[in-house]
Amino acid sequence: MFVRGNGTWIALLFSITLVAHAAAAQVQPVAIVLGHSTITLNGPWMFQTGDDPRWAEPGFDDSGWERVDLTPKPGATDGDVGIGNYVPGWTLKGHPKYHGFAWYRIRLNVSAPAGESLALLGPWAADSSYQAYANGALLGGVGGFSGATPTAHSYQSPRMFVLPRQASGGAIVIAIRVWMGPWVSPGSGGIHVAPAIGAESAIAAQYHLQWLTIFKGYAGDAVIALLFFLSAVVMLCLIPTDPGSGKYLWLAIALTLSGIQRGNQAFFFWWEFETIQGFVIFISAFIGSLVLGAWLMAWRSVFNLHRPAWLPWAIAAMTVVFIGVQLLARPWLFDAVYPKSVSAGLHTLISGIRLAFLITLALIVVLGVRREGRNAWFWLPAVLASVVLLFTGELTQIGLPGIWFPWGIGVSLSEYASIALVVLLCVPVLRQLWSYAPRATPSSN
């Protein structure tokens, strides 16, 4: 990558020469000649699970460590936002159930123009926190390492580290200390996008481009959340047009909860504030369960289903149980370890409760159409959009694509369903406003 600035930049040739000897006792450094450019450090990196502060030192002998190549497959992305040059983590590279600390090290021999300030572009995506070192000096990192257990936030956090003068040329050892929590999943663990080294200005350009991608990737969530909140305000304003029914109040509650759930995506990935544990407890378990229950109550009220009388109690019970089961299904929240049978049983129970929600929603629709007749058909398109929104996971399991990349940025099925839901709710809302509008009466002379 070449960056132009201050009028004219001279693009200098850079080259990498990697010499590997199977019988060598010491790993040879990667030779790098830098102009106003950057180079991606795909490796090979030396890799070791565990933790030892000596592993940051440049003189440490890492020749007995594993070798890890961070070279991505052509067109590889993270499958979510659209982060490019993505590689799977250590759980697919010989450490399927490992969580905790691990280290990556690479030796460089850098030739750069005299007086040029160099910088390191940290791994854009890494599970879940990391610290970066250059020749033993701590540069910075992602997450918190002050406590006994590191703090993890979003795993997508671009970072740029200006290298100290003593590490701006010649022999440089880059060491990255990574920690992943016990939320192990296939493909997780460690570095997913290789770091890069280069001129400070060129690294800064890549750094800003990464943040721009993160912003674009979750801007849609922020916009959809705003649409949900505005729709909730509209529903509250409609309450006087149909006093006593409760449907507009419940629709406002469901839309508000959906807005919190969707908007938190942007909050979580744009700011390093909410921890992974907090996200799972507050959004995945608590708000996610309330969203399901609130939409079922909203559609029950829309269709004026006062009977069966047990229906709201059943919805409330499922919601409360679903919150508890989702928390229990993540034993790492409580520093607990379950037998495989218990874990499998809890995940089966989660699927069963979600199926019960879906069946209950179908019952509400059938009874509602029978009761309301033609009036119910104005609400059915919005009901269908809410089904797609609430049960995206189940729809993807039967083969429906869960995400598309229309502009190189991931747009999920749930995002499309959210927009459709807001639009389709306009039909019955406008109809309600039209029926409530005062009719002009002819004046008598």
Protein backbone atom coordinates (compact mmCIF):
# COMPACT_ATOMS: atom_id res chain seq x y z
CA MET A 1 0.00 0.00 0.00
CA PHE A 2 1.43 3.44 -0.96
CA VAL A 3 0.29 6.69 0.62
CA ARG A 4 0.81 10.11 -0.99
CA GLY A 5 0.93 13.32 1.02
CA ASN A 6 2.64 16.73 1.21
CA GLY A 7 2.65 17.05 -2.54
CA THR A 8 4.75 14.17 -3.84
CA TRP A 9 5.75 10.88 -2.28
CA ILE A 10 8.35 8.62 -3.78
CA ALA A 11 7.19 5.01 -3.73
CA LEU A 12 10.14 2.88 -2.67
CA LEU A 13 10.52 -0.77 -3.46
CA PHE A 14 10.16 -3.13 -0.51
CA SER A 15 11.00 -6.79 -0.44
CA ILE A 16 10.66 -9.67 1.93
CA THR A 17 13.13 -12.52 2.09
CA LEU A 18 12.30 -15.45 4.29
CA VAL A 19 14.96 -18.11 4.79
CA ALA A 20 13.82 -21.20 6.65
CA HIS A 21 16.10 -24.14 7.42
CA ALA A 22 14.51 -27.22 8.96
CA ALA A 23 17.63 -28.04 10.94
CA ALA A 24 18.28 -24.48 12.14
CA ALA A 25 18.32 -24.02 15.90
CA GLN A 26 17.07 -20.42 15.65
CA VAL A 27 14.28 -19.02 13.47
CA GLN A 28 15.72 -16.60 10.92
CA PRO A 29 14.32 -13.04 10.93
CA VAL A 30 12.15 -11.80 8.11
CA ALA A 31 14.07 -9.16 6.13
CA ILE A 32 11.98 -6.09 5.34
CA VAL A 33 12.94 -2.95 3.40
CA LEU A 34 10.45 -0.16 4.08
CA GLY A 35 9.80 3.06 2.22
CA HIS A 36 6.55 4.98 2.55
CA SER A 37 4.70 1.68 2.53
CA THR A 38 3.30 -1.08 4.69
CA ILE A 39 3.72 -4.81 4.69
CA THR A 40 1.40 -7.40 6.18
CA LEU A 41 3.08 -9.75 8.64
CA ASN A 42 1.52 -13.02 7.55
CA GLY A 43 4.39 -14.93 9.05
CA PRO A 44 5.37 -17.53 9.76
CA TRP A 45 4.72 -16.61 13.37
CA MET A 46 5.95 -18.69 16.25
CA PHE A 47 3.05 -19.70 18.48
CA GLN A 48 2.80 -21.10 22.00
CA THR A 49 -0.13 -21.55 24.39
CA GLY A 50 0.40 -20.52 27.99
CA ASP A 51 1.81 -17.35 29.50
CA ASP A 52 5.28 -16.21 30.53
CA PRO A 53 6.48 -12.57 30.62
CA ARG A 54 9.89 -13.67 29.30
CA TRP A 55 8.24 -14.47 25.97
CA ALA A 56 8.12 -10.75 25.19
CA GLU A 57 11.92 -10.44 25.32
CA PRO A 58 13.73 -10.28 21.96
CA GLY A 59 16.43 -12.69 23.08
CA PHE A 60 14.07 -15.50 24.03
CA ASP A 61 14.61 -18.72 22.08
CA ASP A 62 11.27 -19.62 20.47
CA SER A 63 12.68 -22.13 17.99
CA GLY A 64 10.75 -24.97 19.64
CA TRP A 65 7.38 -23.28 19.26
CA GLU A 66 4.71 -24.08 16.67
CA ARG A 67 4.71 -22.21 13.40
CA VAL A 68 1.50 -20.42 12.41
CA ASP A 69 0.80 -18.89 9.02
CA LEU A 70 -1.69 -16.00 8.99
CA THR A 71 -1.93 -15.86 5.20
CA PRO A 72 -5.66 -15.71 4.32
CA LYS A 73 -7.36 -17.56 1.52
CA PRO A 74 -8.33 -15.38 -1.46
CA GLY A 75 -11.50 -13.42 -0.68
CA ALA A 76 -11.70 -14.66 2.91
CA THR A 77 -13.85 -12.51 5.22
CA ASP A 78 -15.21 -12.81 8.73
CA GLY A 79 -18.70 -13.60 7.39
CA ASP A 80 -20.27 -10.81 9.44
CA VAL A 81 -19.09 -7.24 8.87
CA GLY A 82 -16.99 -8.05 5.83
CA ILE A 83 -13.52 -7.84 7.39
CA GLY A 84 -11.08 -9.02 4.73
CA ASN A 85 -7.98 -11.21 4.98
CA TYR A 86 -9.63 -13.24 7.75
CA VAL A 87 -8.14 -16.52 9.00
CA PRO A 88 -9.59 -19.03 11.49
CA GLY A 89 -8.26 -19.11 15.03
CA TRP A 90 -6.38 -21.70 17.03
CA THR A 91 -9.46 -23.86 17.69
CA LEU A 92 -9.17 -25.01 14.07
CA LYS A 93 -5.38 -25.22 14.18
CA GLY A 94 -4.74 -27.97 16.69
CA HIS A 95 -6.22 -26.46 19.87
CA PRO A 96 -9.98 -27.11 19.56
CA LYS A 97 -11.02 -26.52 23.17
CA TYR A 98 -8.25 -24.27 24.42
CA HIS A 99 -8.94 -20.93 26.04
CA GLY A 100 -6.65 -18.69 28.02
CA PHE A 101 -3.31 -17.09 27.14
CA ALA A 102 -1.19 -17.68 24.06
CA TRP A 103 1.73 -15.85 22.44
CA TYR A 104 2.69 -15.03 18.85
CA ARG A 105 6.26 -13.98 17.99
CA ILE A 106 7.94 -12.93 14.74
CA ARG A 107 11.52 -11.76 14.07
CA LEU A 108 12.03 -8.97 11.57
CA ASN A 109 15.07 -7.31 10.02
CA VAL A 110 13.77 -3.92 8.95
CA SER A 111 15.50 -1.47 6.61
CA ALA A 112 13.78 1.90 6.56
CA PRO A 113 14.70 5.43 5.40
CA ALA A 114 16.74 7.36 7.93
CA GLY A 115 14.56 9.29 10.34
CA GLU A 116 11.38 7.57 9.20
CA SER A 117 8.89 6.93 12.01
CA LEU A 118 7.50 3.40 11.86
CA ALA A 119 4.27 1.99 13.28
CA LEU A 120 2.61 -1.34 13.85
CA LEU A 121 -1.00 -1.98 12.86
CA GLY A 122 -2.34 -4.33 15.50
CA PRO A 123 -4.37 -7.42 14.62
CA TRP A 124 -7.73 -6.00 13.56
CA ALA A 125 -9.67 -9.01 14.81
CA ALA A 126 -8.42 -11.07 17.73
CA ASP A 127 -10.12 -13.27 20.35
CA SER A 128 -10.50 -11.67 22.77
CA SER A 129 -7.87 -9.28 24.25
CA TYR A 130 -4.21 -8.76 23.46
CA GLN A 131 -1.03 -6.84 24.27
CA ALA A 132 1.59 -6.01 21.65
CA TYR A 133 5.35 -5.78 22.32
CA ALA A 134 8.30 -4.59 20.22
CA ASN A 135 11.74 -5.73 21.41
CA GLY A 136 10.28 -6.35 24.86
CA ALA A 137 8.61 -2.93 25.19
CA LEU A 138 4.83 -2.89 25.68
CA LEU A 139 3.18 -0.88 22.89
CA GLY A 140 -0.44 -1.21 24.01
CA GLY A 141 -3.34 -3.49 23.25
CA VAL A 142 -7.06 -4.21 23.35
CA GLY A 143 -8.97 -5.05 26.53
CA GLY A 144 -7.92 -4.77 30.15
CA PHE A 145 -5.07 -6.68 31.77
CA SER A 146 -4.97 -5.02 35.20
CA GLY A 147 -6.96 -7.71 37.00
CA ALA A 148 -6.39 -11.38 37.63
CA THR A 149 -8.56 -12.16 34.60
CA PRO A 150 -8.32 -9.93 31.52
CA THR A 151 -11.33 -7.92 30.40
CA ALA A 152 -12.68 -8.61 26.92
CA HIS A 153 -14.79 -6.28 24.80
CA SER A 154 -15.42 -6.47 21.08
CA TYR A 155 -12.98 -8.65 19.15
CA GLN A 156 -13.01 -6.12 16.27
CA SER A 157 -10.85 -3.26 17.55
CA PRO A 158 -8.36 -1.60 15.19
CA ARG A 159 -5.22 -0.36 16.91
CA MET A 160 -2.14 1.53 15.74
CA PHE A 161 1.13 1.57 17.71
CA VAL A 162 3.99 3.94 16.89
CA LEU A 163 7.23 2.04 17.33
CA PRO A 164 9.85 3.53 19.66
CA ARG A 165 12.99 4.89 17.98
CA GLN A 166 15.09 1.96 19.17
CA ALA A 167 12.70 -0.38 17.37
CA SER A 168 12.36 1.60 14.12
CA GLY A 169 14.95 -0.27 12.14
CA GLY A 170 17.23 -3.26 12.17
CA ALA A 171 16.33 -6.30 14.22
CA ILE A 172 12.81 -6.15 15.66
CA VAL A 173 10.94 -8.87 17.52
CA ILE A 174 7.19 -8.40 17.58
CA ALA A 175 5.43 -10.38 20.34
CA ILE A 176 1.66 -10.46 20.83
CA ARG A 177 0.14 -11.82 24.03
CA VAL A 178 -3.45 -12.94 23.42
CA TRP A 179 -6.13 -14.00 25.88
CA MET A 180 -9.44 -15.65 25.00
CA GLY A 181 -12.18 -16.32 27.52
CA PRO A 182 -14.03 -19.61 27.92
CA TRP A 183 -16.62 -18.75 25.24
CA VAL A 184 -14.93 -21.16 22.81
CA SER A 185 -16.56 -21.71 19.42
CA PRO A 186 -15.34 -23.35 16.19
CA GLY A 187 -12.81 -21.07 14.51
CA SER A 188 -12.28 -18.80 17.51
CA GLY A 189 -9.05 -18.11 19.33
CA GLY A 190 -6.17 -15.72 18.76
CA ILE A 191 -5.32 -13.55 15.78
CA HIS A 192 -7.69 -13.54 12.81
CA VAL A 193 -6.20 -10.68 10.75
CA ALA A 194 -2.42 -10.37 10.48
CA PRO A 195 -0.74 -7.22 11.83
CA ALA A 196 1.15 -4.89 9.49
CA ILE A 197 4.27 -2.76 9.83
CA GLY A 198 5.27 0.31 7.87
CA ALA A 199 5.70 4.06 7.70
CA GLU A 200 3.62 5.81 10.34
CA SER A 201 1.59 7.77 7.78
CA ALA A 202 0.83 4.67 5.73
CA ILE A 203 -0.17 2.65 8.81
CA ALA A 204 -2.38 5.54 9.95
CA ALA A 205 -4.22 5.41 6.61
CA GLN A 206 -4.92 1.68 7.02
CA TYR A 207 -5.93 2.23 10.64
CA HIS A 208 -8.53 4.84 9.68
CA LEU A 209 -9.79 2.64 6.86
CA GLN A 210 -10.35 -0.21 9.33
CA TRP A 211 -12.36 2.03 11.64
CA LEU A 212 -14.38 3.25 8.66
CA THR A 213 -15.25 -0.36 7.84
CA ILE A 214 -16.33 -0.98 11.44
CA PHE A 215 -18.45 2.18 11.38
CA LYS A 216 -20.15 1.23 8.10
CA GLY A 217 -20.64 -2.35 9.28
CA TYR A 218 -22.79 -1.29 12.25
CA ALA A 219 -24.24 2.01 11.05
CA GLY A 220 -27.22 0.06 9.74
CA ASP A 221 -27.91 -1.26 13.24
CA ALA A 222 -27.91 2.28 14.62
CA VAL A 223 -30.29 3.48 11.89
CA ILE A 224 -32.65 0.53 12.43
CA ALA A 225 -32.64 1.15 16.19
CA LEU A 226 -33.60 4.77 15.55
CA LEU A 227 -36.45 3.61 13.28
CA PHE A 228 -37.68 1.26 16.01
CA PHE A 229 -37.62 4.04 18.62
CA LEU A 230 -39.44 6.49 16.33
CA SER A 231 -42.04 3.82 15.54
CA ALA A 232 -42.53 3.25 19.26
CA VAL A 233 -43.25 6.96 19.71
CA VAL A 234 -45.83 6.77 16.91
CA MET A 235 -47.51 3.83 18.62
CA LEU A 236 -47.69 5.74 21.91
CA CYS A 237 -49.32 8.62 20.08
CA LEU A 238 -51.95 6.23 18.69
CA ILE A 239 -53.11 5.02 22.11
CA PRO A 240 -55.91 7.68 22.36
CA THR A 241 -57.34 6.46 19.05
CA ASP A 242 -58.10 3.03 20.50
CA PRO A 243 -58.35 3.37 24.29
CA GLY A 244 -58.62 0.22 26.32
CA SER A 245 -57.24 -2.21 23.74
CA GLY A 246 -53.61 -2.05 24.85
CA LYS A 247 -52.28 -2.99 21.41
CA TYR A 248 -50.43 0.24 20.73
CA LEU A 249 -48.84 0.19 24.17
CA TRP A 250 -47.59 -3.36 23.63
CA LEU A 251 -46.37 -2.50 20.13
CA ALA A 252 -44.46 0.45 21.60
CA ILE A 253 -42.86 -1.84 24.21
CA ALA A 254 -41.89 -4.45 21.62
CA LEU A 255 -40.43 -1.84 19.26
CA THR A 256 -38.47 -0.19 22.09
CA LEU A 257 -36.96 -3.49 23.21
CA SER A 258 -36.12 -4.38 19.60
CA GLY A 259 -34.44 -0.98 19.22
CA ILE A 260 -32.31 -1.59 22.31
CA GLN A 261 -31.33 -5.03 21.06
CA ARG A 262 -30.43 -3.77 17.58
CA GLY A 263 -28.80 -0.51 18.64
CA ASN A 264 -26.57 -2.26 21.14
CA GLN A 265 -24.76 -3.88 18.21
CA ALA A 266 -23.32 -0.51 17.24
CA PHE A 267 -22.70 0.41 20.89
CA PHE A 268 -20.82 -2.83 21.52
CA PHE A 269 -18.55 -2.65 18.47
CA TRP A 270 -17.97 1.10 18.25
CA TRP A 271 -16.97 1.72 21.86
CA GLU A 272 -14.78 -0.37 24.14
CA PHE A 273 -17.16 -0.17 27.08
CA GLU A 274 -19.48 -3.17 27.23
CA THR A 275 -17.79 -6.46 28.11
CA ILE A 276 -18.59 -9.76 26.45
CA GLN A 277 -20.11 -11.00 29.71
CA GLY A 278 -22.29 -7.89 29.92
CA PHE A 279 -23.40 -8.32 26.32
CA VAL A 280 -24.42 -11.93 26.89
CA ILE A 281 -26.28 -11.23 30.14
CA PHE A 282 -28.05 -8.00 29.21
CA ILE A 283 -28.64 -8.34 25.47
CA SER A 284 -28.56 -12.03 24.57
CA ALA A 285 -30.34 -13.43 27.63
CA PHE A 286 -32.40 -10.59 29.13
CA ILE A 287 -33.39 -8.23 26.29
CA GLY A 288 -33.50 -11.00 23.69
CA SER A 289 -35.99 -12.98 25.76
CA LEU A 290 -38.11 -9.92 26.51
CA VAL A 291 -38.25 -9.10 22.79
CA LEU A 292 -39.82 -12.50 22.07
CA GLY A 293 -42.35 -12.19 24.87
CA ALA A 294 -43.23 -8.56 24.05
CA TRP A 295 -43.94 -9.25 20.37
CA LEU A 296 -46.20 -12.19 21.23
CA MET A 297 -48.10 -9.99 23.70
CA ALA A 298 -48.29 -7.23 21.09
CA TRP A 299 -49.81 -9.50 18.44
CA ARG A 300 -52.21 -10.96 21.02
CA SER A 301 -53.41 -7.43 21.77
CA VAL A 302 -53.58 -6.48 18.09
CA PHE A 303 -55.94 -9.39 17.44
CA ASN A 304 -57.97 -8.69 20.64
CA LEU A 305 -57.48 -12.19 21.98
CA HIS A 306 -58.90 -12.02 25.47
CA ARG A 307 -59.25 -15.77 25.37
CA PRO A 308 -57.76 -18.19 26.13
CA ALA A 309 -57.11 -16.52 29.46
CA TRP A 310 -54.00 -18.60 30.09
CA LEU A 311 -52.19 -17.24 27.01
CA PRO A 312 -50.52 -14.16 28.60
CA TRP A 313 -49.47 -16.23 31.61
CA ALA A 314 -47.93 -18.82 29.30
CA ILE A 315 -46.03 -16.12 27.40
CA ALA A 316 -44.75 -14.59 30.65
CA ALA A 317 -43.66 -18.01 31.98
CA MET A 318 -41.81 -18.87 28.77
CA THR A 319 -40.04 -15.51 28.82
CA VAL A 320 -38.85 -15.87 32.41
CA VAL A 321 -37.74 -19.47 31.92
CA PHE A 322 -35.96 -18.54 28.69
CA ILE A 323 -33.93 -15.86 30.48
CA GLY A 324 -32.82 -18.33 33.13
CA VAL A 325 -32.01 -21.16 30.74
CA GLN A 326 -29.93 -18.92 28.49
CA LEU A 327 -27.85 -17.81 31.45
CA LEU A 328 -27.44 -21.35 32.76
CA ALA A 329 -26.40 -22.56 29.29
CA ARG A 330 -23.27 -20.40 29.58
CA PRO A 331 -21.48 -21.88 32.58
CA TRP A 332 -18.46 -19.61 32.04
CA LEU A 333 -20.59 -16.77 33.40
CA PHE A 334 -20.44 -18.51 36.78
CA ASP A 335 -16.95 -20.04 36.50
CA ALA A 336 -18.64 -23.43 36.37
CA VAL A 337 -18.05 -26.54 34.30
CA TYR A 338 -20.93 -28.80 33.26
CA PRO A 339 -20.90 -32.41 32.11
CA LYS A 340 -21.55 -32.75 28.39
CA SER A 341 -24.99 -34.20 29.02
CA VAL A 342 -26.03 -31.13 31.05
CA SER A 343 -24.73 -28.70 28.42
CA ALA A 344 -26.46 -30.62 25.64
CA GLY A 345 -29.69 -30.74 27.64
CA LEU A 346 -29.68 -26.97 28.24
CA HIS A 347 -29.09 -26.18 24.58
CA THR A 348 -31.87 -28.59 23.62
CA LEU A 349 -34.13 -26.82 26.10
CA ILE A 350 -33.29 -23.46 24.50
CA SER A 351 -34.33 -24.82 21.10
CA GLY A 352 -37.50 -26.26 22.63
CA ILE A 353 -38.49 -22.95 24.25
CA ARG A 354 -37.92 -21.06 21.01
CA LEU A 355 -40.09 -23.61 19.21
CA ALA A 356 -42.76 -23.08 21.88
CA PHE A 357 -42.62 -19.32 21.21
CA LEU A 358 -43.04 -19.97 17.48
CA ILE A 359 -46.00 -22.33 18.00
CA THR A 360 -47.64 -19.84 20.36
CA LEU A 361 -47.23 -17.08 17.78
CA ALA A 362 -48.82 -19.31 15.14
CA LEU A 363 -51.73 -19.98 17.52
CA ILE A 364 -52.18 -16.24 18.07
CA VAL A 365 -52.29 -15.61 14.32
CA VAL A 366 -54.80 -18.40 13.64
CA LEU A 367 -57.11 -17.33 16.47
CA GLY A 368 -56.67 -13.68 15.52
CA VAL A 369 -57.66 -14.20 11.88
CA ARG A 370 -60.74 -16.12 12.99
CA ARG A 371 -61.74 -13.37 15.39
CA GLU A 372 -60.90 -10.25 13.40
CA GLY A 373 -61.55 -11.51 9.89
CA ARG A 374 -60.72 -8.95 7.21
CA ASN A 375 -59.18 -6.52 9.69
CA ALA A 376 -56.52 -9.06 10.61
CA TRP A 377 -55.17 -9.18 7.05
CA PHE A 378 -53.85 -5.63 7.30
CA TRP A 379 -51.56 -6.76 10.14
CA LEU A 380 -50.41 -10.10 8.70
CA PRO A 381 -47.51 -8.77 6.54
CA ALA A 382 -46.02 -7.09 9.63
CA VAL A 383 -46.55 -10.30 11.63
CA LEU A 384 -44.63 -12.24 8.97
CA ALA A 385 -41.77 -9.73 9.08
CA SER A 386 -41.62 -10.11 12.87
CA VAL A 387 -41.42 -13.90 12.49
CA VAL A 388 -38.36 -13.51 10.23
CA LEU A 389 -36.84 -11.04 12.70
CA LEU A 390 -37.44 -13.18 15.79
CA PHE A 391 -36.55 -16.56 14.28
CA THR A 392 -33.68 -15.74 11.93
CA GLY A 393 -31.54 -18.50 13.41
CA GLU A 394 -34.13 -21.16 12.70
CA LEU A 395 -34.63 -19.88 9.14
CA THR A 396 -30.91 -20.05 8.39
CA GLN A 397 -30.83 -23.62 9.66
CA ILE A 398 -33.30 -24.64 6.96
CA GLY A 399 -31.18 -23.09 4.23
CA LEU A 400 -32.19 -19.42 4.04
CA PRO A 401 -29.11 -17.16 3.72
CA GLY A 402 -28.43 -15.31 6.95
CA ILE A 403 -26.27 -12.49 5.56
CA TRP A 404 -25.49 -10.74 2.29
CA PHE A 405 -22.65 -8.40 1.26
CA PRO A 406 -24.24 -6.00 -1.23
CA TRP A 407 -21.58 -3.25 -0.86
CA GLY A 408 -18.82 -5.29 0.71
CA ILE A 409 -20.47 -4.79 4.11
CA GLY A 410 -22.53 -7.50 5.77
CA VAL A 411 -26.30 -6.93 5.88
CA SER A 412 -28.09 -9.65 7.83
CA LEU A 413 -31.48 -11.21 7.28
CA SER A 414 -32.63 -9.77 10.60
CA GLU A 415 -31.71 -6.25 9.41
CA TYR A 416 -33.79 -6.66 6.25
CA ALA A 417 -36.65 -8.04 8.35
CA SER A 418 -36.40 -5.10 10.78
CA ILE A 419 -36.73 -2.56 7.99
CA ALA A 420 -39.62 -4.52 6.45
CA LEU A 421 -41.37 -4.66 9.82
CA VAL A 422 -41.22 -0.89 10.29
CA VAL A 423 -42.47 -0.26 6.76
CA LEU A 424 -45.27 -2.82 6.94
CA LEU A 425 -46.51 -1.44 10.25
CA CYS A 426 -47.29 1.78 8.39
CA VAL A 427 -50.24 0.10 6.62
CA PRO A 428 -52.44 -0.59 9.68
CA VAL A 429 -51.23 2.63 11.32
CA LEU A 430 -52.34 4.76 8.38
CA ARG A 431 -55.59 2.85 8.26
CA GLN A 432 -56.16 3.58 11.95
CA LEU A 433 -55.43 7.27 11.46
CA TRP A 434 -57.79 7.41 8.48
CA SER A 435 -60.63 5.78 10.42
CA TYR A 436 -60.05 8.10 13.40
CA ALA A 437 -59.92 11.30 11.36
CA PRO A 438 -63.08 13.40 11.80
CA ARG A 439 -65.38 13.33 8.83
CA ALA A 440 -66.59 16.60 7.40
CA THR A 441 -70.36 17.02 7.60
CA PRO A 442 -72.27 19.09 5.04
CA SER A 443 -73.39 22.42 6.43
CA SER A 444 -77.09 23.31 6.40
CA ASN A 445 -78.24 26.66 5.06
